[in-house]
Amino acid sequence: MRAALASDAPPKYERAPKGSIVDAVEPRIRELLAAYPTMPVTVIAERIGWSRSIRVLSGRVAELRPVYLPPDPASRTVYAAGEIAQCCPRTTSSTERCTG
């Protein structure tokens, strides 16, 4: 009671984080994803001998997979607003095109 009165903030319940059943096999999942980044979760489950819910496993694989996927070549180029622009000299007619 004294500790609660002496505190500046209201009491807050804090529980130590509990581990997941996937934690034990995560190193093996990482090995498989490093070798085969697009391997389906069902195949990963077979390879690691997973006998529990596939949903729990697929959630963890979805978190880990982006680290091992190669970058998408279509989304590599990123420009900040105003960083790049195309400027053409003023043309005299609407049929002329910018040449440089």
PDB file of N, CA and C in Angstrom:
ATOM      1  N   MET A   1       0.821  -1.184   0.000  1.00  0.00           N
ATOM      2  CA  MET A   1       0.000   0.000   0.000  1.00  0.00           C
ATOM      3  C   MET A   1       0.869   1.252   0.000  1.00  0.00           C
ATOM      4  N   ARG A   2       1.925   1.236   0.791  1.00  0.00           N
ATOM      5  CA  ARG A   2       2.809   2.397   0.850  1.00  0.00           C
ATOM      6  C   ARG A   2       3.484   2.642  -0.502  1.00  0.00           C
ATOM      7  N   ALA A   3       3.858   1.554  -1.163  1.00  0.00           N
ATOM      8  CA  ALA A   3       4.511   1.685  -2.473  1.00  0.00           C
ATOM      9  C   ALA A   3       3.556   2.314  -3.482  1.00  0.00           C
ATOM     10  N   ALA A   4       2.276   1.938  -3.418  1.00  0.00           N
ATOM     11  CA  ALA A   4       1.289   2.496  -4.349  1.00  0.00           C
ATOM     12  C   ALA A   4       1.064   3.973  -4.071  1.00  0.00           C
ATOM     13  N   LEU A   5       1.018   4.359  -2.820  1.00  0.00           N
ATOM     14  CA  LEU A   5       0.836   5.768  -2.469  1.00  0.00           C
ATOM     15  C   LEU A   5       2.059   6.602  -2.820  1.00  0.00           C
ATOM     16  N   ALA A   6       3.232   6.024  -2.706  1.00  0.00           N
ATOM     17  CA  ALA A   6       4.473   6.751  -2.997  1.00  0.00           C
ATOM     18  C   ALA A   6       4.727   6.879  -4.492  1.00  0.00           C
ATOM     19  N   SER A   7       4.097   6.057  -5.300  1.00  0.00           N
ATOM     20  CA  SER A   7       4.325   6.066  -6.743  1.00  0.00           C
ATOM     21  C   SER A   7       3.609   7.237  -7.406  1.00  0.00           C
ATOM     22  N   ASP A   8       4.221   7.773  -8.469  1.00  0.00           N
ATOM     23  CA  ASP A   8       3.618   8.860  -9.233  1.00  0.00           C
ATOM     24  C   ASP A   8       2.589   8.364 -10.241  1.00  0.00           C
ATOM     25  N   ALA A   9       2.688   7.119 -10.635  1.00  0.00           N
ATOM     26  CA  ALA A   9       1.804   6.559 -11.656  1.00  0.00           C
ATOM     27  C   ALA A   9       0.880   5.529 -11.025  1.00  0.00           C
ATOM     28  N   PRO A  10      -0.238   5.251 -11.661  1.00  0.00           N
ATOM     29  CA  PRO A  10      -1.125   4.210 -11.131  1.00  0.00           C
ATOM     30  C   PRO A  10      -0.462   2.840 -11.253  1.00  0.00           C
ATOM     31  N   PRO A  11      -0.865   1.917 -10.422  1.00  0.00           N
ATOM     32  CA  PRO A  11      -0.261   0.582 -10.508  1.00  0.00           C
ATOM     33  C   PRO A  11      -0.565  -0.069 -11.852  1.00  0.00           C
ATOM     34  N   LYS A  12       0.401  -0.810 -12.352  1.00  0.00           N
ATOM     35  CA  LYS A  12       0.252  -1.450 -13.650  1.00  0.00           C
ATOM     36  C   LYS A  12       0.677  -2.906 -13.524  1.00  0.00           C
ATOM     37  N   TYR A  13      -0.176  -3.786 -13.996  1.00  0.00           N
ATOM     38  CA  TYR A  13       0.147  -5.199 -13.961  1.00  0.00           C
ATOM     39  C   TYR A  13       1.132  -5.515 -15.078  1.00  0.00           C
ATOM     40  N   GLU A  14       2.227  -6.130 -14.740  1.00  0.00           N
ATOM     41  CA  GLU A  14       3.234  -6.510 -15.740  1.00  0.00           C
ATOM     42  C   GLU A  14       3.553  -7.980 -15.575  1.00  0.00           C
ATOM     43  N   ARG A  15       3.479  -8.679 -16.687  1.00  0.00           N
ATOM     44  CA  ARG A  15       3.791 -10.101 -16.688  1.00  0.00           C
ATOM     45  C   ARG A  15       5.032 -10.319 -17.539  1.00  0.00           C
ATOM     46  N   ALA A  16       5.873 -11.224 -17.119  1.00  0.00           N
ATOM     47  CA  ALA A  16       7.066 -11.552 -17.903  1.00  0.00           C
ATOM     48  C   ALA A  16       6.613 -12.163 -19.225  1.00  0.00           C
ATOM     49  N   PRO A  17       7.272 -11.780 -20.340  1.00  0.00           N
ATOM     50  CA  PRO A  17       6.873 -12.350 -21.635  1.00  0.00           C
ATOM     51  C   PRO A  17       7.018 -13.868 -21.635  1.00  0.00           C
ATOM     52  N   LYS A  18       6.012 -14.498 -22.191  1.00  0.00           N
ATOM     53  CA  LYS A  18       5.990 -15.952 -22.262  1.00  0.00           C
ATOM     54  C   LYS A  18       6.463 -16.375 -23.643  1.00  0.00           C
ATOM     55  N   GLY A  19       7.225 -17.407 -23.712  1.00  0.00           N
ATOM     56  CA  GLY A  19       7.742 -17.884 -24.987  1.00  0.00           C
ATOM     57  C   GLY A  19       6.663 -18.546 -25.826  1.00  0.00           C
ATOM     58  N   SER A  20       6.987 -18.772 -27.089  1.00  0.00           N
ATOM     59  CA  SER A  20       6.078 -19.434 -28.014  1.00  0.00           C
ATOM     60  C   SER A  20       6.574 -20.845 -28.274  1.00  0.00           C
ATOM     61  N   ILE A  21       5.662 -21.719 -28.701  1.00  0.00           N
ATOM     62  CA  ILE A  21       6.072 -23.086 -29.015  1.00  0.00           C
ATOM     63  C   ILE A  21       6.966 -23.122 -30.251  1.00  0.00           C
ATOM     64  N   VAL A  22       6.952 -22.049 -31.026  1.00  0.00           N
ATOM     65  CA  VAL A  22       7.778 -21.992 -32.235  1.00  0.00           C
ATOM     66  C   VAL A  22       9.221 -21.620 -31.906  1.00  0.00           C
ATOM     67  N   ASP A  23       9.454 -21.032 -30.740  1.00  0.00           N
ATOM     68  CA  ASP A  23      10.804 -20.591 -30.374  1.00  0.00           C
ATOM     69  C   ASP A  23      11.833 -21.723 -30.449  1.00  0.00           C
ATOM     70  N   ALA A  24      11.423 -22.923 -30.088  1.00  0.00           N
ATOM     71  CA  ALA A  24      12.353 -24.056 -30.076  1.00  0.00           C
ATOM     72  C   ALA A  24      12.832 -24.440 -31.477  1.00  0.00           C
ATOM     73  N   VAL A  25      12.007 -24.220 -32.501  1.00  0.00           N
ATOM     74  CA  VAL A  25      12.378 -24.627 -33.855  1.00  0.00           C
ATOM     75  C   VAL A  25      12.758 -23.447 -34.750  1.00  0.00           C
ATOM     76  N   GLU A  26      12.756 -22.238 -34.207  1.00  0.00           N
ATOM     77  CA  GLU A  26      13.067 -21.069 -35.032  1.00  0.00           C
ATOM     78  C   GLU A  26      14.440 -21.139 -35.705  1.00  0.00           C
ATOM     79  N   PRO A  27      15.500 -21.609 -35.030  1.00  0.00           N
ATOM     80  CA  PRO A  27      16.784 -21.708 -35.741  1.00  0.00           C
ATOM     81  C   PRO A  27      16.711 -22.595 -36.988  1.00  0.00           C
ATOM     82  N   ARG A  28      15.972 -23.688 -36.910  1.00  0.00           N
ATOM     83  CA  ARG A  28      15.829 -24.588 -38.066  1.00  0.00           C
ATOM     84  C   ARG A  28      15.020 -23.917 -39.171  1.00  0.00           C
ATOM     85  N   ILE A  29      13.985 -23.151 -38.788  1.00  0.00           N
ATOM     86  CA  ILE A  29      13.181 -22.420 -39.771  1.00  0.00           C
ATOM     87  C   ILE A  29      14.074 -21.411 -40.501  1.00  0.00           C
ATOM     88  N   ARG A  30      14.908 -20.719 -39.753  1.00  0.00           N
ATOM     89  CA  ARG A  30      15.819 -19.734 -40.356  1.00  0.00           C
ATOM     90  C   ARG A  30      16.796 -20.397 -41.335  1.00  0.00           C
ATOM     91  N   GLU A  31      17.275 -21.581 -40.994  1.00  0.00           N
ATOM     92  CA  GLU A  31      18.172 -22.319 -41.900  1.00  0.00           C
ATOM     93  C   GLU A  31      17.459 -22.639 -43.217  1.00  0.00           C
ATOM     94  N   LEU A  32      16.236 -23.129 -43.104  1.00  0.00           N
ATOM     95  CA  LEU A  32      15.481 -23.488 -44.316  1.00  0.00           C
ATOM     96  C   LEU A  32      15.169 -22.255 -45.154  1.00  0.00           C
ATOM     97  N   LEU A  33      14.791 -21.153 -44.508  1.00  0.00           N
ATOM     98  CA  LEU A  33      14.490 -19.937 -45.263  1.00  0.00           C
ATOM     99  C   LEU A  33      15.741 -19.339 -45.899  1.00  0.00           C
ATOM    100  N   ALA A  34      16.876 -19.504 -45.248  1.00  0.00           N
ATOM    101  CA  ALA A  34      18.125 -19.007 -45.835  1.00  0.00           C
ATOM    102  C   ALA A  34      18.453 -19.771 -47.116  1.00  0.00           C
ATOM    103  N   ALA A  35      18.170 -21.062 -47.129  1.00  0.00           N
ATOM    104  CA  ALA A  35      18.440 -21.880 -48.313  1.00  0.00           C
ATOM    105  C   ALA A  35      17.335 -21.757 -49.359  1.00  0.00           C
ATOM    106  N   TYR A  36      16.087 -21.707 -48.899  1.00  0.00           N
ATOM    107  CA  TYR A  36      14.931 -21.667 -49.806  1.00  0.00           C
ATOM    108  C   TYR A  36      13.936 -20.619 -49.307  1.00  0.00           C
ATOM    109  N   PRO A  37      14.123 -19.348 -49.666  1.00  0.00           N
ATOM    110  CA  PRO A  37      13.287 -18.282 -49.109  1.00  0.00           C
ATOM    111  C   PRO A  37      11.802 -18.366 -49.458  1.00  0.00           C
ATOM    112  N   THR A  38      11.449 -19.060 -50.524  1.00  0.00           N
ATOM    113  CA  THR A  38      10.034 -19.136 -50.910  1.00  0.00           C
ATOM    114  C   THR A  38       9.391 -20.479 -50.554  1.00  0.00           C
ATOM    115  N   MET A  39      10.065 -21.265 -49.742  1.00  0.00           N
ATOM    116  CA  MET A  39       9.523 -22.574 -49.363  1.00  0.00           C
ATOM    117  C   MET A  39       8.179 -22.398 -48.646  1.00  0.00           C
ATOM    118  N   PRO A  40       7.144 -23.137 -49.065  1.00  0.00           N
ATOM    119  CA  PRO A  40       5.842 -23.028 -48.408  1.00  0.00           C
ATOM    120  C   PRO A  40       5.903 -23.486 -46.946  1.00  0.00           C
ATOM    121  N   VAL A  41       5.016 -22.935 -46.141  1.00  0.00           N
ATOM    122  CA  VAL A  41       4.985 -23.263 -44.716  1.00  0.00           C
ATOM    123  C   VAL A  41       4.704 -24.748 -44.506  1.00  0.00           C
ATOM    124  N   THR A  42       3.886 -25.333 -45.349  1.00  0.00           N
ATOM    125  CA  THR A  42       3.575 -26.752 -45.182  1.00  0.00           C
ATOM    126  C   THR A  42       4.815 -27.628 -45.359  1.00  0.00           C
ATOM    127  N   VAL A  43       5.674 -27.246 -46.277  1.00  0.00           N
ATOM    128  CA  VAL A  43       6.913 -28.002 -46.490  1.00  0.00           C
ATOM    129  C   VAL A  43       7.866 -27.779 -45.317  1.00  0.00           C
ATOM    130  N   ILE A  44       7.938 -26.552 -44.829  1.00  0.00           N
ATOM    131  CA  ILE A  44       8.771 -26.269 -43.645  1.00  0.00           C
ATOM    132  C   ILE A  44       8.283 -27.117 -42.477  1.00  0.00           C
ATOM    133  N   ALA A  45       6.969 -27.198 -42.299  1.00  0.00           N
ATOM    134  CA  ALA A  45       6.398 -27.995 -41.205  1.00  0.00           C
ATOM    135  C   ALA A  45       6.816 -29.454 -41.313  1.00  0.00           C
ATOM    136  N   GLU A  46       6.792 -29.992 -42.524  1.00  0.00           N
ATOM    137  CA  GLU A  46       7.215 -31.384 -42.726  1.00  0.00           C
ATOM    138  C   GLU A  46       8.684 -31.562 -42.396  1.00  0.00           C
ATOM    139  N   ARG A  47       9.507 -30.637 -42.856  1.00  0.00           N
ATOM    140  CA  ARG A  47      10.958 -30.770 -42.677  1.00  0.00           C
ATOM    141  C   ARG A  47      11.384 -30.659 -41.220  1.00  0.00           C
ATOM    142  N   ILE A  48      10.660 -29.862 -40.424  1.00  0.00           N
ATOM    143  CA  ILE A  48      11.053 -29.710 -39.015  1.00  0.00           C
ATOM    144  C   ILE A  48      10.272 -30.645 -38.103  1.00  0.00           C
ATOM    145  N   GLY A  49       9.358 -31.426 -38.670  1.00  0.00           N
ATOM    146  CA  GLY A  49       8.574 -32.368 -37.876  1.00  0.00           C
ATOM    147  C   GLY A  49       7.519 -31.675 -37.024  1.00  0.00           C
ATOM    148  N   TRP A  50       6.897 -30.640 -37.546  1.00  0.00           N
ATOM    149  CA  TRP A  50       5.906 -29.867 -36.802  1.00  0.00           C
ATOM    150  C   TRP A  50       4.593 -30.639 -36.716  1.00  0.00           C
ATOM    151  N   SER A  51       4.101 -30.864 -35.494  1.00  0.00           N
ATOM    152  CA  SER A  51       2.860 -31.613 -35.323  1.00  0.00           C
ATOM    153  C   SER A  51       1.764 -30.773 -34.670  1.00  0.00           C
ATOM    154  N   ARG A  52       2.033 -29.520 -34.445  1.00  0.00           N
ATOM    155  CA  ARG A  52       1.047 -28.644 -33.805  1.00  0.00           C
ATOM    156  C   ARG A  52       0.300 -27.827 -34.854  1.00  0.00           C
ATOM    157  N   SER A  53      -0.367 -26.778 -34.424  1.00  0.00           N
ATOM    158  CA  SER A  53      -1.173 -25.949 -35.313  1.00  0.00           C
ATOM    159  C   SER A  53      -0.312 -25.281 -36.385  1.00  0.00           C
ATOM    160  N   ILE A  54      -0.720 -25.408 -37.625  1.00  0.00           N
ATOM    161  CA  ILE A  54       0.010 -24.786 -38.735  1.00  0.00           C
ATOM    162  C   ILE A  54      -0.131 -23.272 -38.682  1.00  0.00           C
ATOM    163  N   ARG A  55      -1.188 -22.780 -38.082  1.00  0.00           N
ATOM    164  CA  ARG A  55      -1.420 -21.335 -38.004  1.00  0.00           C
ATOM    165  C   ARG A  55      -0.339 -20.642 -37.176  1.00  0.00           C
ATOM    166  N   VAL A  56       0.052 -21.246 -36.072  1.00  0.00           N
ATOM    167  CA  VAL A  56       1.097 -20.665 -35.221  1.00  0.00           C
ATOM    168  C   VAL A  56       2.415 -20.630 -35.979  1.00  0.00           C
ATOM    169  N   LEU A  57       2.719 -21.715 -36.650  1.00  0.00           N
ATOM    170  CA  LEU A  57       3.956 -21.797 -37.424  1.00  0.00           C
ATOM    171  C   LEU A  57       3.946 -20.817 -38.591  1.00  0.00           C
ATOM    172  N   SER A  58       2.835 -20.729 -39.307  1.00  0.00           N
ATOM    173  CA  SER A  58       2.785 -19.840 -40.471  1.00  0.00           C
ATOM    174  C   SER A  58       2.893 -18.374 -40.055  1.00  0.00           C
ATOM    175  N   GLY A  59       2.402 -18.033 -38.871  1.00  0.00           N
ATOM    176  CA  GLY A  59       2.556 -16.669 -38.380  1.00  0.00           C
ATOM    177  C   GLY A  59       4.013 -16.303 -38.170  1.00  0.00           C
ATOM    178  N   ARG A  60       4.778 -17.227 -37.595  1.00  0.00           N
ATOM    179  CA  ARG A  60       6.204 -16.960 -37.358  1.00  0.00           C
ATOM    180  C   ARG A  60       6.979 -16.929 -38.671  1.00  0.00           C
ATOM    181  N   VAL A  61       6.654 -17.836 -39.576  1.00  0.00           N
ATOM    182  CA  VAL A  61       7.334 -17.848 -40.873  1.00  0.00           C
ATOM    183  C   VAL A  61       7.041 -16.554 -41.635  1.00  0.00           C
ATOM    184  N   ALA A  62       5.824 -16.046 -41.536  1.00  0.00           N
ATOM    185  CA  ALA A  62       5.476 -14.781 -42.193  1.00  0.00           C
ATOM    186  C   ALA A  62       6.296 -13.622 -41.627  1.00  0.00           C
ATOM    187  N   GLU A  63       6.634 -13.666 -40.346  1.00  0.00           N
ATOM    188  CA  GLU A  63       7.485 -12.635 -39.742  1.00  0.00           C
ATOM    189  C   GLU A  63       8.932 -12.764 -40.211  1.00  0.00           C
ATOM    190  N   LEU A  64       9.405 -13.984 -40.366  1.00  0.00           N
ATOM    191  CA  LEU A  64      10.816 -14.228 -40.689  1.00  0.00           C
ATOM    192  C   LEU A  64      11.121 -14.152 -42.178  1.00  0.00           C
ATOM    193  N   ARG A  65      10.201 -14.551 -43.017  1.00  0.00           N
ATOM    194  CA  ARG A  65      10.464 -14.683 -44.454  1.00  0.00           C
ATOM    195  C   ARG A  65      10.982 -13.413 -45.125  1.00  0.00           C
ATOM    196  N   PRO A  66      10.452 -12.210 -44.871  1.00  0.00           N
ATOM    197  CA  PRO A  66      10.936 -11.019 -45.584  1.00  0.00           C
ATOM    198  C   PRO A  66      12.438 -10.770 -45.438  1.00  0.00           C
ATOM    199  N   VAL A  67      13.023 -11.218 -44.350  1.00  0.00           N
ATOM    200  CA  VAL A  67      14.460 -11.037 -44.144  1.00  0.00           C
ATOM    201  C   VAL A  67      15.261 -11.833 -45.169  1.00  0.00           C
ATOM    202  N   TYR A  68      14.731 -12.969 -45.593  1.00  0.00           N
ATOM    203  CA  TYR A  68      15.469 -13.868 -46.478  1.00  0.00           C
ATOM    204  C   TYR A  68      15.103 -13.734 -47.954  1.00  0.00           C
ATOM    205  N   LEU A  69      14.049 -12.999 -48.263  1.00  0.00           N
ATOM    206  CA  LEU A  69      13.669 -12.818 -49.663  1.00  0.00           C
ATOM    207  C   LEU A  69      14.591 -11.814 -50.337  1.00  0.00           C
ATOM    208  N   PRO A  70      14.945 -12.049 -51.608  1.00  0.00           N
ATOM    209  CA  PRO A  70      15.764 -11.064 -52.315  1.00  0.00           C
ATOM    210  C   PRO A  70      14.948  -9.807 -52.568  1.00  0.00           C
ATOM    211  N   PRO A  71      15.617  -8.679 -52.744  1.00  0.00           N
ATOM    212  CA  PRO A  71      14.873  -7.441 -52.996  1.00  0.00           C
ATOM    213  C   PRO A  71      14.124  -7.512 -54.321  1.00  0.00           C
ATOM    214  N   ASP A  72      12.969  -6.910 -54.346  1.00  0.00           N
ATOM    215  CA  ASP A  72      12.149  -6.864 -55.552  1.00  0.00           C
ATOM    216  C   ASP A  72      12.757  -5.832 -56.494  1.00  0.00           C
ATOM    217  N   PRO A  73      13.169  -6.229 -57.705  1.00  0.00           N
ATOM    218  CA  PRO A  73      13.828  -5.273 -58.602  1.00  0.00           C
ATOM    219  C   PRO A  73      12.920  -4.129 -59.031  1.00  0.00           C
ATOM    220  N   ALA A  74      11.614  -4.331 -58.981  1.00  0.00           N
ATOM    221  CA  ALA A  74      10.703  -3.269 -59.400  1.00  0.00           C
ATOM    222  C   ALA A  74      10.529  -2.194 -58.338  1.00  0.00           C
ATOM    223  N   SER A  75      10.891  -2.489 -57.114  1.00  0.00           N
ATOM    224  CA  SER A  75      10.672  -1.510 -56.053  1.00  0.00           C
ATOM    225  C   SER A  75      11.975  -1.010 -55.425  1.00  0.00           C
ATOM    226  N   ARG A  76      13.101  -1.204 -56.097  1.00  0.00           N
ATOM    227  CA  ARG A  76      14.371  -0.768 -55.529  1.00  0.00           C
ATOM    228  C   ARG A  76      14.593   0.726 -55.629  1.00  0.00           C
ATOM    229  N   THR A  77      14.122   1.363 -56.695  1.00  0.00           N
ATOM    230  CA  THR A  77      14.380   2.771 -56.905  1.00  0.00           C
ATOM    231  C   THR A  77      13.416   3.597 -56.062  1.00  0.00           C
ATOM    232  N   VAL A  78      13.980   4.422 -55.214  1.00  0.00           N
ATOM    233  CA  VAL A  78      13.174   5.272 -54.357  1.00  0.00           C
ATOM    234  C   VAL A  78      13.691   6.694 -54.486  1.00  0.00           C
ATOM    235  N   TYR A  79      12.800   7.611 -54.753  1.00  0.00           N
ATOM    236  CA  TYR A  79      13.165   9.020 -54.862  1.00  0.00           C
ATOM    237  C   TYR A  79      12.353   9.826 -53.860  1.00  0.00           C
ATOM    238  N   ALA A  80      13.009  10.766 -53.230  1.00  0.00           N
ATOM    239  CA  ALA A  80      12.289  11.697 -52.364  1.00  0.00           C
ATOM    240  C   ALA A  80      11.621  12.740 -53.250  1.00  0.00           C
ATOM    241  N   ALA A  81      10.565  13.338 -52.742  1.00  0.00           N
ATOM    242  CA  ALA A  81       9.845  14.351 -53.516  1.00  0.00           C
ATOM    243  C   ALA A  81      10.789  15.491 -53.892  1.00  0.00           C
ATOM    244  N   GLY A  82      10.836  15.822 -55.164  1.00  0.00           N
ATOM    245  CA  GLY A  82      11.682  16.906 -55.650  1.00  0.00           C
ATOM    246  C   GLY A  82      13.125  16.511 -55.912  1.00  0.00           C
ATOM    247  N   GLU A  83      13.487  15.274 -55.679  1.00  0.00           N
ATOM    248  CA  GLU A  83      14.870  14.828 -55.871  1.00  0.00           C
ATOM    249  C   GLU A  83      15.217  14.680 -57.349  1.00  0.00           C
ATOM    250  N   ILE A  84      14.255  14.324 -58.160  1.00  0.00           N
ATOM    251  CA  ILE A  84      14.502  14.112 -59.568  1.00  0.00           C
ATOM    252  C   ILE A  84      13.373  14.776 -60.362  1.00  0.00           C
ATOM    253  N   ALA A  85      13.727  15.369 -61.485  1.00  0.00           N
ATOM    254  CA  ALA A  85      12.727  16.026 -62.322  1.00  0.00           C
ATOM    255  C   ALA A  85      13.225  16.066 -63.759  1.00  0.00           C
ATOM    256  N   GLN A  86      12.299  16.204 -64.690  1.00  0.00           N
ATOM    257  CA  GLN A  86      12.653  16.348 -66.091  1.00  0.00           C
ATOM    258  C   GLN A  86      12.246  17.752 -66.513  1.00  0.00           C
ATOM    259  N   CYS A  87      13.209  18.502 -66.964  1.00  0.00           N
ATOM    260  CA  CYS A  87      12.927  19.875 -67.377  1.00  0.00           C
ATOM    261  C   CYS A  87      13.214  20.012 -68.866  1.00  0.00           C
ATOM    262  N   CYS A  88      12.260  20.560 -69.577  1.00  0.00           N
ATOM    263  CA  CYS A  88      12.415  20.777 -71.006  1.00  0.00           C
ATOM    264  C   CYS A  88      12.430  22.282 -71.267  1.00  0.00           C
ATOM    265  N   PRO A  89      13.220  22.711 -72.259  1.00  0.00           N
ATOM    266  CA  PRO A  89      13.166  24.128 -72.606  1.00  0.00           C
ATOM    267  C   PRO A  89      11.801  24.464 -73.198  1.00  0.00           C
ATOM    268  N   ARG A  90      11.416  25.675 -73.088  1.00  0.00           N
ATOM    269  CA  ARG A  90      10.113  26.104 -73.594  1.00  0.00           C
ATOM    270  C   ARG A  90      10.076  25.913 -75.118  1.00  0.00           C
ATOM    271  N   THR A  91       9.020  25.287 -75.585  1.00  0.00           N
ATOM    272  CA  THR A  91       8.886  25.055 -77.026  1.00  0.00           C
ATOM    273  C   THR A  91       7.968  26.110 -77.619  1.00  0.00           C
ATOM    274  N   THR A  92       8.081  26.308 -78.919  1.00  0.00           N
ATOM    275  CA  THR A  92       7.281  27.343 -79.570  1.00  0.00           C
ATOM    276  C   THR A  92       5.933  26.833 -80.049  1.00  0.00           C
ATOM    277  N   SER A  93       5.792  25.548 -80.264  1.00  0.00           N
ATOM    278  CA  SER A  93       4.490  25.035 -80.685  1.00  0.00           C
ATOM    279  C   SER A  93       4.190  23.754 -79.934  1.00  0.00           C
ATOM    280  N   SER A  94       2.941  23.377 -79.949  1.00  0.00           N
ATOM    281  CA  SER A  94       2.530  22.198 -79.196  1.00  0.00           C
ATOM    282  C   SER A  94       2.963  20.907 -79.882  1.00  0.00           C
ATOM    283  N   THR A  95       3.430  20.982 -81.135  1.00  0.00           N
ATOM    284  CA  THR A  95       3.847  19.768 -81.845  1.00  0.00           C
ATOM    285  C   THR A  95       5.334  19.475 -81.636  1.00  0.00           C
ATOM    286  N   GLU A  96       6.098  20.440 -81.145  1.00  0.00           N
ATOM    287  CA  GLU A  96       7.533  20.208 -80.922  1.00  0.00           C
ATOM    288  C   GLU A  96       7.705  19.368 -79.647  1.00  0.00           C
ATOM    289  N   ARG A  97       8.736  18.566 -79.663  1.00  0.00           N
ATOM    290  CA  ARG A  97       9.014  17.712 -78.519  1.00  0.00           C
ATOM    291  C   ARG A  97      10.280  18.142 -77.822  1.00  0.00           C
ATOM    292  N   CYS A  98      10.410  17.816 -76.599  1.00  0.00           N
ATOM    293  CA  CYS A  98      11.620  18.124 -75.828  1.00  0.00           C
ATOM    294  C   CYS A  98      12.742  17.228 -76.336  1.00  0.00           C
ATOM    295  N   THR A  99      13.881  17.803 -76.680  1.00  0.00           N
ATOM    296  CA  THR A  99      14.999  17.029 -77.215  1.00  0.00           C
ATOM    297  C   THR A  99      16.165  16.986 -76.248  1.00  0.00           C
ATOM    298  N   GLY A 100      16.061  17.574 -75.184  1.00  0.00           N
ATOM    299  CA  GLY A 100      17.214  17.488 -74.331  1.00  0.00           C
ATOM    300  C   GLY A 100      17.225  18.520 -73.331  1.00  0.00           C
TER     301      GLY A 100
END
